[in-house]
Structures are given as C-alpha cells and as structure tokens.
Amino acid sequence: MTPERWEALIAEAGRRTEDLLRTRRAEVGERTLQIDEIEDLVEEVGREVDAWLEEHLLDAQAPPAANTALCPGCGQPAGYKDTRCTPFLTTHGPRSLTRRYHHCQPCGRGFSPLDLVLGIDPGRRATRRVRAWQAKYSALESSFPAVTPILEELRGLVISPSTIERTAVEVGEALAAATQVQAEALRRAQRLAPATPAANPAVAPPKRLYLAMDGTMVPLRERWRKDGTLGKLQTRYGEAKVGMVFTTGQQDGLDTGIVTRACVATLGNIVQFTWLMFWLAHQWGALRAGELIVLGDGAAWIWRLVRRCFPKAVQILDYWHVLQRLYEVAEARFGSKSSEEAKRWVTTMRGLLESDFVHLVVQDIKEWEPRLVKHRQLRDAHAAFLERNQERLQYGTYLAQGYMLGSGPIEARCKQVVQSRLHEAGMHWRQHTAEAVLAIRAHLHGTGASDLRAYA
C-alpha cells in the first residue's frame, strides 16, 4: 500500500472519529457522564471506526485484477474463474471478503490471490485469532455451546456450536501434533546418541526442578448418533495421563507454592506419554538441573518411567498417600481410625517416617497378628508396599533439604486439566475430540504464553 493511501486512511479515520465524538457530544450535552456511559461511548466509537478501517485496509491489499495468476502449487499460469463474496470473521466482527478465484488446469487447483496476500488458509472463514478464541474458550468453558453467547456478546461474532467444536478439535489436533513431532525428534536424537543425554542449551539449568505425573479417567464412547442409527451408546473409560514440571518458591527453608509450571496430557499409551514427558522435562532443562525431584503416588508406571528417563532424580512417594495407608492399618488394627489408640499409633509411625526409620514402621506392621483373613491381607499388602518403596520414603532427609513431600500439585492438575472439563456428569467423548481438548487445556494451564494462534 502506497504512503499516499496510508495518509488518506489516517486522515479519514481521524475525521470519522471526530464526527462520531461530536455527534455523541451533542446527544450528551453538558451533563456529567457515569463510568458505564463512558465505557459504552468509547466502545461504540471504537467499533465503528475499527470496522471502517479494517474494511478499507482489507480492500487496499487486494492485488490488481488480472486474467491470470501464478498457481501457488505448480507455478503455472492459472485463469480467472469467478468472483465470490464470502463471509469472514475478524476480532472486530463479521466481514465480507470479495475474492477473485482462479483455476489451474495443469494441477486442478483453485485459489484466490487475495488469500495468498492476506495469509488466509483456503477454506478458513475466520482469522487465526478468532479461531484461537474458539479453541481456548471451548477448552475453558463447560461445553461447546457455552462459547457461542460469549463471543456474540463480547465481539458480535455469531458462530454455531458445531463450528466452534470443529475449530477446537482442529486447533487441538494441530497443537498435539506439533508437540508429538518435537517429542519424536528428541526420541530419534536419543536413539542416535543414547549414551549422551540431550540437553537444551537454550534453557539455563534450574537449581531445583520438580516433575510430577498421575493418571485420571475420562469417559469415552464408540461411534454413536443421538438418533440411534448407529446402535446403542457404548461407553468405556480411558486413562488420561498428566505430566507436570514446575518450580517453587521458598518459605522458612521449605519449598512451597508453585512459581512456574508447564503441563502435558494425553489419552495415548505409556510410550507416547513417556516421550511427551521427557520432551517437557528437556524443554525446562531437567537434564542439567542442580536437583531434579520427582513426586508421585504408588502407581508402578510412574516409577518405571522415572527409572528409564530420569535415573538420577530424587524419587519421593506422596506423603499423604502413605499416611492414608497407615490410617487403613490403624482402622483395621484398632477398630476405628478415630480412636485414641489408633491416633497415637499413627502419630508414632509418622514420627518414625519423618526420621527415616521406614524399616521400623514395616516391622511394626508385620508384627501385628490379626484374626481376620482380610486384615492379614491388608497387613501384608501395606507392609510390602512400604518395604518396596523404602528409598522413596526418606522423609526426614527430604524435609532437611526443604523438598515438597506431597503430590498435591499434580492431583490438582488432573482435576483442573481433565476432570473439570472432560468428566462432568453425563459427559462422554469421542477419543479424538477429548485428546484435542486435553492438549489445549494442558497448554493453557502452564504459566507461560497461552496464545493458540500458531496452531489455528
């Protein structure tokens, strides 16, 4: 666009703004405006000028009309076919784009030169920012239909729930695919040089970094239609694995409160999740961290993953998970976990755990001789669990170092990333839709930038 055209637009925009403000001044007179009225006035003037300016800027980008244009696919001259006026959504409201379309005979491709100039993907009816909004609020709101009135009220954009859902899935799939590509590239690099762990030189090694993992269930469905033409609704549960990397603040010598974090989540198998988690940790400089701490509950898959990918990490089994097992033993042993005898026993066992005397706790439980078979089974299971995880239960040492002892942060992420959107009452999901929403929600629950336009 020429400098002269720019100057003309600037001058006209100024005149339009002045005219609108003079009109409003005449309507208001000399009375004092309340803050809500000021807000409405500025919004109204801004929207009118924005709409006019956007429309004229779009028109100004149109290439000169020509009978032929070079095909972006094969580079051959493509003949003009027709002119189409199509609806298009921007952040300032609905617009109509007049596009000249060409058709390439050699490769059979149709295209619009204006789309190429404006950077519009073929078939798109909205800008990347509008599509990113649809994806973002689809993941944050309780349902896809809930997004429609929000965008209409805030921006005057009328978008059907089905379009919002389709857009969210496309953006979520693009985000998940981009992450998988990076994880796979890291995986190939590890295969080529397995003895030399990859490091991310762009990230300064953190002094102390936490990793946490957990799983939670998502209700999924097979192919189904509401009209029953594909048979009865068949549902099942799939496990969504959630991974998290975070740093903390410090208070009184103890790590407390998350300062920065990032998440990944997938319904994929353990191999997919393992490399996603390894990629996330790699992004945060985990392989060069001064201290790497992994928090988890008793799930065996978590510790297998840690042994494989982070063999030098400090492994901490969630303190409250262990405490829950002690209370189960106390309830079976003393008749009620709220009895004074049970409370004293649990307090004693906690003191031993916090002094690194795990073997004494195991010994005490093993010495209990219950009469009931179910109590003997409970005793054996809990004693074996504590004995098997002794290296992860050195809570006295962990407290001395100021480490966090609980897996509460990852449990909270499971609730916030997965359950609060994908496991509400009556919900059931197609797996690819759930996977797309998971990818978006995991992305949004990090403390970094949450802009989705790169995937829209």
Protein backbone atom coordinates (compact mmCIF):
# COMPACT_ATOMS: atom_id res chain seq x y z
CA MET A 1 0.00 0.00 0.00
CA THR A 2 1.42 3.37 -1.02
CA PRO A 3 2.33 6.10 1.51
CA GLU A 4 -0.32 8.33 -0.09
CA ARG A 5 -3.00 5.67 0.56
CA TRP A 6 -1.85 5.37 4.15
CA GLU A 7 -2.06 9.12 4.69
CA ALA A 8 -5.54 9.22 3.18
CA LEU A 9 -6.73 6.44 5.52
CA ILE A 10 -5.20 8.17 8.54
CA ALA A 11 -6.89 11.45 7.69
CA GLU A 12 -10.26 9.82 7.01
CA ALA A 13 -10.09 7.75 10.24
CA GLY A 14 -9.42 10.96 12.18
CA ARG A 15 -12.37 12.73 10.54
CA ARG A 16 -14.70 9.80 11.24
CA THR A 17 -13.63 9.64 14.89
CA GLU A 18 -14.13 13.40 15.24
CA ASP A 19 -17.59 13.27 13.62
CA LEU A 20 -18.70 10.40 15.87
CA LEU A 21 -17.47 12.15 19.01
CA ARG A 22 -19.17 15.43 18.01
CA THR A 23 -22.42 13.56 17.42
CA ARG A 24 -22.22 11.93 20.86
CA ARG A 25 -21.33 15.26 22.47
CA ALA A 26 -24.45 16.80 21.01
CA GLU A 27 -26.52 13.92 22.41
CA VAL A 28 -24.96 14.13 25.88
CA GLY A 29 -24.84 17.89 26.24
CA GLU A 30 -23.10 19.24 29.32
CA ARG A 31 -24.21 16.61 31.81
CA THR A 32 -21.66 14.52 33.69
CA LEU A 33 -21.13 11.02 32.36
CA GLN A 34 -21.02 8.00 34.61
CA ILE A 35 -18.28 5.44 34.10
CA ASP A 36 -20.61 2.92 32.42
CA GLU A 37 -21.71 5.56 29.91
CA ILE A 38 -18.10 6.48 29.18
CA GLU A 39 -17.30 2.83 28.63
CA ASP A 40 -20.24 2.40 26.22
CA LEU A 41 -19.36 5.59 24.32
CA VAL A 42 -15.73 4.60 23.80
CA GLU A 43 -16.73 1.07 22.79
CA GLU A 44 -19.32 2.30 20.28
CA VAL A 45 -16.99 4.83 18.65
CA GLY A 46 -14.13 2.38 18.63
CA ARG A 47 -16.17 -0.37 16.99
CA GLU A 48 -17.48 1.89 14.23
CA VAL A 49 -14.04 3.26 13.39
CA ASP A 50 -12.42 -0.18 13.71
CA ALA A 51 -14.95 -1.71 11.31
CA TRP A 52 -14.47 1.03 8.74
CA LEU A 53 -10.65 0.96 8.99
CA GLU A 54 -10.45 -2.84 8.80
CA GLU A 55 -12.73 -2.96 5.75
CA HIS A 56 -10.65 -0.37 3.89
CA LEU A 57 -7.34 -1.95 4.84
CA LEU A 58 -8.59 -5.29 3.55
CA ASP A 59 -9.73 -3.72 0.28
CA ALA A 60 -6.39 -1.97 -0.11
CA GLN A 61 -4.47 -5.28 -0.02
CA ALA A 62 -6.30 -6.78 -2.99
CA PRO A 63 -3.92 -7.39 -5.90
CA PRO A 64 -4.81 -5.79 -9.26
CA ALA A 65 -7.44 -7.70 -11.23
CA ALA A 66 -5.86 -9.91 -13.87
CA ASN A 67 -6.97 -12.67 -16.20
CA THR A 68 -4.21 -14.98 -14.96
CA ALA A 69 -2.26 -15.55 -11.74
CA LEU A 70 0.57 -17.92 -10.92
CA CYS A 71 -0.61 -21.11 -9.22
CA PRO A 72 0.95 -21.49 -5.72
CA GLY A 73 1.09 -25.24 -6.27
CA CYS A 74 2.84 -25.72 -9.60
CA GLY A 75 3.77 -22.17 -10.57
CA GLN A 76 1.88 -22.31 -13.88
CA PRO A 77 -0.44 -19.51 -15.08
CA ALA A 78 -4.00 -20.08 -13.82
CA GLY A 79 -7.01 -18.48 -15.48
CA TYR A 80 -9.60 -16.32 -13.76
CA LYS A 81 -12.78 -18.26 -12.96
CA ASP A 82 -15.18 -16.09 -10.96
CA THR A 83 -15.58 -13.56 -8.16
CA ARG A 84 -17.06 -14.62 -4.85
CA CYS A 85 -18.23 -12.65 -1.83
CA THR A 86 -17.73 -14.78 1.26
CA PRO A 87 -18.45 -14.08 4.96
CA PHE A 88 -15.39 -13.81 7.15
CA LEU A 89 -14.94 -13.25 10.89
CA THR A 90 -12.31 -10.99 12.44
CA THR A 91 -11.87 -9.86 16.03
CA HIS A 92 -13.78 -6.69 15.12
CA GLY A 93 -16.86 -8.51 13.84
CA PRO A 94 -18.24 -10.17 10.71
CA ARG A 95 -16.92 -9.02 7.35
CA SER A 96 -17.49 -9.83 3.67
CA LEU A 97 -14.43 -10.57 1.55
CA THR A 98 -14.68 -10.15 -2.21
CA ARG A 99 -12.25 -12.65 -3.72
CA ARG A 100 -11.29 -13.27 -7.32
CA TYR A 101 -10.83 -17.02 -7.84
CA HIS A 102 -8.53 -18.68 -10.39
CA HIS A 103 -8.33 -22.27 -11.53
CA CYS A 104 -5.12 -24.04 -12.58
CA GLN A 105 -5.70 -26.53 -15.37
CA PRO A 106 -2.35 -28.43 -15.02
CA CYS A 107 -2.79 -29.33 -11.33
CA GLY A 108 -6.55 -28.82 -10.95
CA ARG A 109 -6.15 -26.41 -8.06
CA GLY A 110 -8.40 -23.45 -7.30
CA PHE A 111 -7.13 -20.47 -5.33
CA SER A 112 -7.60 -16.80 -4.57
CA PRO A 113 -4.65 -14.40 -4.95
CA LEU A 114 -6.15 -12.29 -2.15
CA ASP A 115 -5.94 -15.27 0.25
CA LEU A 116 -2.24 -15.58 -0.55
CA VAL A 117 -1.67 -11.87 0.09
CA LEU A 118 -3.61 -11.84 3.36
CA GLY A 119 -2.22 -15.16 4.60
CA ILE A 120 -5.64 -16.83 4.77
CA ASP A 121 -5.67 -20.62 4.67
CA PRO A 122 -8.02 -21.98 1.97
CA GLY A 123 -11.43 -22.80 3.39
CA ARG A 124 -11.00 -20.67 6.52
CA ARG A 125 -13.83 -18.33 7.41
CA ALA A 126 -12.13 -16.62 10.36
CA THR A 127 -8.80 -15.11 11.34
CA ARG A 128 -6.34 -17.13 13.38
CA ARG A 129 -7.11 -15.10 16.48
CA VAL A 130 -10.85 -15.77 16.20
CA ARG A 131 -10.16 -19.47 15.68
CA ALA A 132 -7.79 -19.41 18.68
CA TRP A 133 -10.53 -17.83 20.78
CA GLN A 134 -12.95 -20.58 19.79
CA ALA A 135 -10.44 -23.24 20.80
CA LYS A 136 -9.45 -21.52 24.04
CA TYR A 137 -12.94 -20.89 25.35
CA SER A 138 -14.12 -24.33 24.20
CA ALA A 139 -11.48 -25.80 26.50
CA LEU A 140 -12.18 -23.44 29.39
CA GLU A 141 -15.98 -23.37 29.35
CA SER A 142 -18.25 -26.24 30.41
CA SER A 143 -19.39 -27.07 26.87
CA PHE A 144 -19.05 -26.04 23.23
CA PRO A 145 -22.50 -24.36 23.10
CA ALA A 146 -21.48 -22.19 26.07
CA VAL A 147 -18.92 -20.39 23.88
CA THR A 148 -21.46 -19.11 21.33
CA PRO A 149 -23.11 -16.43 23.54
CA ILE A 150 -19.72 -15.33 24.93
CA LEU A 151 -18.26 -14.48 21.52
CA GLU A 152 -21.53 -12.90 20.38
CA GLU A 153 -21.76 -10.66 23.44
CA LEU A 154 -18.11 -9.62 23.52
CA ARG A 155 -17.38 -9.28 19.79
CA GLY A 156 -20.64 -9.63 17.90
CA LEU A 157 -19.45 -12.93 16.39
CA VAL A 158 -22.25 -15.39 15.68
CA ILE A 159 -20.71 -18.86 15.49
CA SER A 160 -22.61 -22.13 15.81
CA PRO A 161 -21.61 -24.68 18.49
CA SER A 162 -20.80 -27.25 15.79
CA THR A 163 -18.36 -24.83 14.11
CA ILE A 164 -16.80 -24.00 17.47
CA GLU A 165 -16.34 -27.70 18.25
CA ARG A 166 -14.85 -28.42 14.83
CA THR A 167 -12.45 -25.49 15.15
CA ALA A 168 -11.41 -26.50 18.66
CA VAL A 169 -10.66 -30.04 17.51
CA GLU A 170 -8.61 -28.76 14.56
CA VAL A 171 -6.57 -26.42 16.78
CA GLY A 172 -6.12 -29.05 19.50
CA GLU A 173 -5.02 -31.66 16.98
CA ALA A 174 -2.53 -29.23 15.44
CA LEU A 175 -1.14 -28.40 18.90
CA ALA A 176 -0.87 -32.09 19.86
CA ALA A 177 0.73 -32.95 16.51
CA ALA A 178 3.33 -30.18 16.87
CA THR A 179 4.22 -31.41 20.35
CA GLN A 180 4.43 -35.02 19.17
CA VAL A 181 6.73 -34.02 16.31
CA GLN A 182 9.11 -32.34 18.74
CA ALA A 183 8.95 -35.30 21.12
CA GLU A 184 9.63 -37.72 18.27
CA ALA A 185 12.61 -35.64 17.11
CA LEU A 186 14.03 -35.83 20.62
CA ARG A 187 13.37 -39.57 20.65
CA ARG A 188 15.30 -40.06 17.40
CA ALA A 189 18.18 -37.99 18.78
CA GLN A 190 18.30 -40.21 21.85
CA ARG A 191 18.40 -43.33 19.69
CA LEU A 192 21.34 -41.96 17.73
CA ALA A 193 23.29 -40.98 20.83
CA PRO A 194 21.84 -42.96 23.77
CA ALA A 195 24.95 -42.60 25.91
CA THR A 196 24.84 -38.81 25.70
CA PRO A 197 21.58 -37.40 27.10
CA ALA A 198 20.31 -34.50 25.04
CA ALA A 199 20.38 -31.11 26.73
CA ASN A 200 18.55 -27.95 25.83
CA PRO A 201 21.27 -25.26 25.61
CA ALA A 202 18.67 -22.51 25.21
CA VAL A 203 17.46 -23.01 28.79
CA ALA A 204 19.57 -22.10 31.81
CA PRO A 205 19.80 -25.14 34.10
CA PRO A 206 17.48 -24.65 37.08
CA LYS A 207 18.84 -25.12 40.60
CA ARG A 208 15.88 -27.28 41.61
CA LEU A 209 13.16 -28.64 39.37
CA TYR A 210 10.15 -30.81 40.16
CA LEU A 211 8.45 -33.37 37.93
CA ALA A 212 5.11 -34.99 38.75
CA MET A 213 2.87 -37.49 36.98
CA ASP A 214 -0.54 -39.03 37.57
CA GLY A 215 -3.49 -40.50 35.71
CA THR A 216 -7.24 -39.97 35.80
CA MET A 217 -10.14 -41.47 33.89
CA VAL A 218 -12.13 -39.96 31.00
CA PRO A 219 -15.50 -41.33 29.80
CA LEU A 220 -15.19 -42.23 26.11
CA ARG A 221 -17.71 -43.53 23.59
CA GLU A 222 -17.64 -45.57 20.45
CA ARG A 223 -19.20 -44.30 17.19
CA TRP A 224 -22.74 -43.22 18.02
CA ARG A 225 -25.54 -40.91 16.93
CA LYS A 226 -28.30 -39.42 19.01
CA ASP A 227 -30.94 -40.70 16.59
CA GLY A 228 -29.86 -44.29 17.29
CA THR A 229 -28.96 -45.11 13.68
CA LEU A 230 -25.58 -46.46 14.79
CA GLY A 231 -26.99 -48.52 17.64
CA LYS A 232 -26.95 -48.03 21.39
CA LEU A 233 -24.49 -45.78 23.14
CA GLN A 234 -21.41 -47.78 24.15
CA THR A 235 -19.13 -46.09 26.69
CA ARG A 236 -15.84 -47.01 28.28
CA TYR A 237 -13.16 -45.31 30.34
CA GLY A 238 -9.73 -44.32 29.09
CA GLU A 239 -6.88 -43.12 31.29
CA ALA A 240 -5.60 -39.63 30.68
CA LYS A 241 -2.01 -39.38 31.86
CA VAL A 242 -0.95 -35.93 33.02
CA GLY A 243 2.62 -34.74 33.43
CA MET A 244 3.87 -31.57 35.02
CA VAL A 245 7.17 -29.73 35.50
CA PHE A 246 7.37 -26.86 37.97
CA THR A 247 9.48 -24.65 40.16
CA THR A 248 8.56 -23.40 43.63
CA GLY A 249 9.06 -20.53 45.98
CA GLN A 250 10.58 -20.99 49.41
CA GLN A 251 9.44 -20.16 52.91
CA ASP A 252 11.24 -20.96 56.18
CA GLY A 253 13.66 -23.22 54.32
CA LEU A 254 10.92 -25.30 52.69
CA ASP A 255 9.77 -25.33 49.07
CA THR A 256 6.24 -24.02 48.92
CA GLY A 257 3.94 -22.60 46.27
CA ILE A 258 4.34 -23.12 42.53
CA VAL A 259 6.04 -20.23 40.73
CA THR A 260 6.23 -21.56 37.17
CA ARG A 261 4.80 -24.69 35.58
CA ALA A 262 4.01 -26.46 32.31
CA CYS A 263 1.86 -29.49 31.58
CA VAL A 264 1.27 -32.25 29.07
CA ALA A 265 -1.69 -34.62 28.90
CA THR A 266 -2.71 -37.46 26.59
CA LEU A 267 -5.02 -40.42 26.27
CA GLY A 268 -2.25 -42.18 24.34
CA ASN A 269 -0.31 -45.19 25.58
CA ILE A 270 2.57 -45.15 28.03
CA VAL A 271 5.17 -44.93 25.24
CA GLN A 272 3.59 -41.75 23.87
CA PHE A 273 3.31 -40.24 27.32
CA THR A 274 6.89 -41.18 28.22
CA TRP A 275 8.34 -39.23 25.33
CA LEU A 276 5.97 -36.30 25.89
CA MET A 277 7.13 -36.15 29.50
CA PHE A 278 10.77 -36.48 28.51
CA TRP A 279 10.33 -33.69 25.94
CA LEU A 280 8.67 -31.40 28.51
CA ALA A 281 11.42 -32.02 31.06
CA HIS A 282 14.04 -31.44 28.34
CA GLN A 283 12.41 -28.11 27.45
CA TRP A 284 12.83 -26.99 31.07
CA GLY A 285 16.47 -28.05 31.38
CA ALA A 286 15.79 -31.04 33.62
CA LEU A 287 18.83 -32.98 32.41
CA ARG A 288 21.14 -30.22 33.67
CA ALA A 289 19.20 -29.22 36.79
CA GLY A 290 21.10 -28.90 40.04
CA GLU A 291 18.44 -31.07 41.68
CA LEU A 292 15.65 -32.99 39.95
CA ILE A 293 12.84 -34.24 42.17
CA VAL A 294 10.00 -36.50 41.05
CA LEU A 295 6.73 -36.67 43.01
CA GLY A 296 4.20 -39.44 42.50
CA ASP A 297 1.80 -41.82 44.15
CA GLY A 298 2.09 -45.59 44.23
CA ALA A 299 1.44 -46.23 40.54
CA ALA A 300 4.15 -48.55 39.21
CA TRP A 301 4.19 -46.98 35.72
CA ILE A 302 5.36 -43.66 37.16
CA TRP A 303 8.45 -45.13 38.76
CA ARG A 304 9.26 -47.29 35.73
CA LEU A 305 9.20 -44.13 33.60
CA VAL A 306 11.42 -42.30 36.09
CA ARG A 307 13.98 -45.12 36.22
CA ARG A 308 14.17 -45.12 32.44
CA CYS A 309 14.24 -41.39 31.71
CA PHE A 310 15.43 -39.69 34.91
CA PRO A 311 17.62 -42.24 36.73
CA LYS A 312 19.44 -39.59 38.80
CA ALA A 313 16.28 -37.89 40.06
CA VAL A 314 15.28 -37.92 43.73
CA GLN A 315 12.10 -40.01 43.89
CA ILE A 316 9.53 -39.04 46.54
CA LEU A 317 6.37 -41.02 47.13
CA ASP A 318 3.48 -38.78 48.12
CA TYR A 319 3.50 -38.44 51.91
CA TRP A 320 -0.28 -38.25 52.19
CA HIS A 321 -0.70 -41.41 50.14
CA VAL A 322 1.49 -43.25 52.67
CA LEU A 323 -0.38 -41.64 55.56
CA GLN A 324 -3.67 -42.90 54.12
CA ARG A 325 -2.28 -46.44 54.19
CA LEU A 326 -1.27 -46.03 57.82
CA TYR A 327 -4.80 -44.96 58.70
CA GLU A 328 -6.21 -48.02 56.89
CA VAL A 329 -3.98 -50.24 59.00
CA ALA A 330 -4.95 -48.34 62.16
CA GLU A 331 -8.66 -48.71 61.44
CA ALA A 332 -8.33 -52.47 60.91
CA ARG A 333 -5.98 -52.88 63.88
CA PHE A 334 -7.79 -50.78 66.48
CA GLY A 335 -11.38 -50.90 65.26
CA SER A 336 -11.59 -47.21 64.35
CA LYS A 337 -9.03 -44.80 62.97
CA SER A 338 -10.52 -42.06 65.15
CA SER A 339 -9.89 -43.93 68.40
CA GLU A 340 -7.22 -42.54 70.73
CA GLU A 341 -5.16 -45.71 70.41
CA ALA A 342 -5.24 -45.51 66.59
CA LYS A 343 -4.29 -41.84 66.61
CA ARG A 344 -1.34 -42.49 68.95
CA TRP A 345 -0.13 -45.33 66.73
CA VAL A 346 -0.36 -43.24 63.55
CA THR A 347 1.46 -40.37 65.29
CA THR A 348 4.24 -42.73 66.33
CA MET A 349 4.54 -44.16 62.80
CA ARG A 350 4.64 -40.66 61.32
CA GLY A 351 7.45 -39.75 63.67
CA LEU A 352 9.41 -42.81 62.54
CA LEU A 353 8.82 -41.98 58.86
CA GLU A 354 9.95 -38.40 59.37
CA SER A 355 13.13 -39.70 60.99
CA ASP A 356 13.91 -42.05 58.06
CA PHE A 357 13.10 -45.19 60.10
CA VAL A 358 10.90 -46.77 57.47
CA HIS A 359 12.12 -50.24 58.39
CA LEU A 360 10.71 -49.84 61.91
CA VAL A 361 7.29 -48.93 60.51
CA VAL A 362 7.38 -52.01 58.28
CA GLN A 363 8.49 -54.15 61.20
CA ASP A 364 5.68 -52.86 63.43
CA ILE A 365 3.04 -53.61 60.80
CA LYS A 366 4.45 -57.10 60.17
CA GLU A 367 4.35 -57.90 63.91
CA TRP A 368 0.61 -57.30 64.02
CA GLU A 369 -1.27 -60.63 64.13
CA PRO A 370 -4.88 -60.03 63.08
CA ARG A 371 -7.51 -62.76 63.29
CA LEU A 372 -9.45 -61.91 60.14
CA VAL A 373 -8.15 -63.01 56.74
CA LYS A 374 -8.97 -59.66 55.13
CA HIS A 375 -6.94 -57.87 57.80
CA ARG A 376 -3.96 -60.18 57.26
CA GLN A 377 -4.18 -59.47 53.54
CA LEU A 378 -4.31 -55.73 54.21
CA ARG A 379 -1.30 -56.00 56.57
CA ASP A 380 0.76 -57.93 54.04
CA ALA A 381 -0.14 -55.60 51.16
CA HIS A 382 0.70 -52.40 53.05
CA ALA A 383 3.87 -53.78 54.61
CA ALA A 384 5.07 -54.97 51.20
CA PHE A 385 4.23 -51.58 49.65
CA LEU A 386 6.22 -49.65 52.26
CA GLU A 387 9.13 -52.09 52.07
CA ARG A 388 9.20 -51.90 48.28
CA ASN A 389 9.27 -48.10 48.32
CA GLN A 390 11.70 -47.54 51.22
CA GLU A 391 14.05 -45.43 49.10
CA ARG A 392 11.16 -43.08 48.26
CA LEU A 393 10.08 -42.66 51.89
CA GLN A 394 13.12 -40.91 53.41
CA TYR A 395 11.00 -38.02 54.59
CA GLY A 396 13.46 -36.87 57.27
CA THR A 397 16.13 -36.38 54.62
CA TYR A 398 13.67 -34.71 52.26
CA LEU A 399 12.47 -32.26 54.93
CA ALA A 400 16.05 -31.38 55.79
CA GLN A 401 16.59 -30.48 52.12
CA GLY A 402 13.37 -28.44 52.02
CA TYR A 403 11.72 -30.68 49.41
CA MET A 404 7.98 -30.85 48.86
CA LEU A 405 6.56 -34.17 50.10
CA GLY A 406 3.13 -34.27 48.51
CA SER A 407 1.84 -34.88 45.00
CA GLY A 408 -0.93 -32.33 45.50
CA PRO A 409 0.21 -30.16 42.57
CA ILE A 410 -0.24 -32.97 40.03
CA GLU A 411 -3.51 -34.10 41.60
CA ALA A 412 -4.76 -30.54 41.24
CA ARG A 413 -3.69 -30.53 37.58
CA CYS A 414 -5.59 -33.78 36.99
CA LYS A 415 -8.72 -32.12 38.35
CA GLN A 416 -8.22 -28.84 36.53
CA VAL A 417 -6.89 -30.12 33.20
CA VAL A 418 -9.03 -33.24 32.89
CA GLN A 419 -11.88 -33.75 35.31
CA SER A 420 -13.38 -30.25 35.44
CA ARG A 421 -13.93 -30.28 31.66
CA LEU A 422 -13.97 -33.89 30.47
CA HIS A 423 -15.52 -35.75 33.38
CA GLU A 424 -18.62 -33.79 34.30
CA ALA A 425 -21.91 -35.58 34.95
CA GLY A 426 -23.38 -37.18 31.82
CA MET A 427 -20.38 -36.47 29.60
CA HIS A 428 -18.93 -38.94 27.11
CA TRP A 429 -16.38 -38.11 24.43
CA ARG A 430 -15.10 -39.26 21.11
CA GLN A 431 -11.46 -40.03 21.78
CA HIS A 432 -10.02 -37.66 19.19
CA THR A 433 -12.18 -34.80 20.50
CA ALA A 434 -11.11 -35.48 24.08
CA GLU A 435 -7.45 -35.69 23.01
CA ALA A 436 -7.69 -32.30 21.27
CA VAL A 437 -9.33 -30.63 24.28
CA LEU A 438 -6.74 -32.21 26.59
CA ALA A 439 -3.91 -30.77 24.52
CA ILE A 440 -5.42 -27.28 24.69
CA ARG A 441 -6.16 -27.41 28.41
CA ALA A 442 -2.67 -28.68 29.24
CA HIS A 443 -1.23 -25.83 27.16
CA LEU A 444 -3.41 -23.24 28.90
CA HIS A 445 -2.56 -24.48 32.39
CA GLY A 446 1.09 -23.56 32.02
CA THR A 447 2.32 -20.25 33.38
CA GLY A 448 3.89 -19.25 30.05
CA ALA A 449 2.21 -17.74 26.98
CA SER A 450 -1.15 -19.31 26.10
CA ASP A 451 -1.57 -17.91 22.57
CA LEU A 452 -3.00 -20.60 20.28
CA ARG A 453 -2.78 -18.68 17.01
CA ALA A 454 0.26 -20.67 15.87
CA TYR A 455 -1.97 -23.77 15.74
CA ALA A 456 -5.10 -22.10 14.36
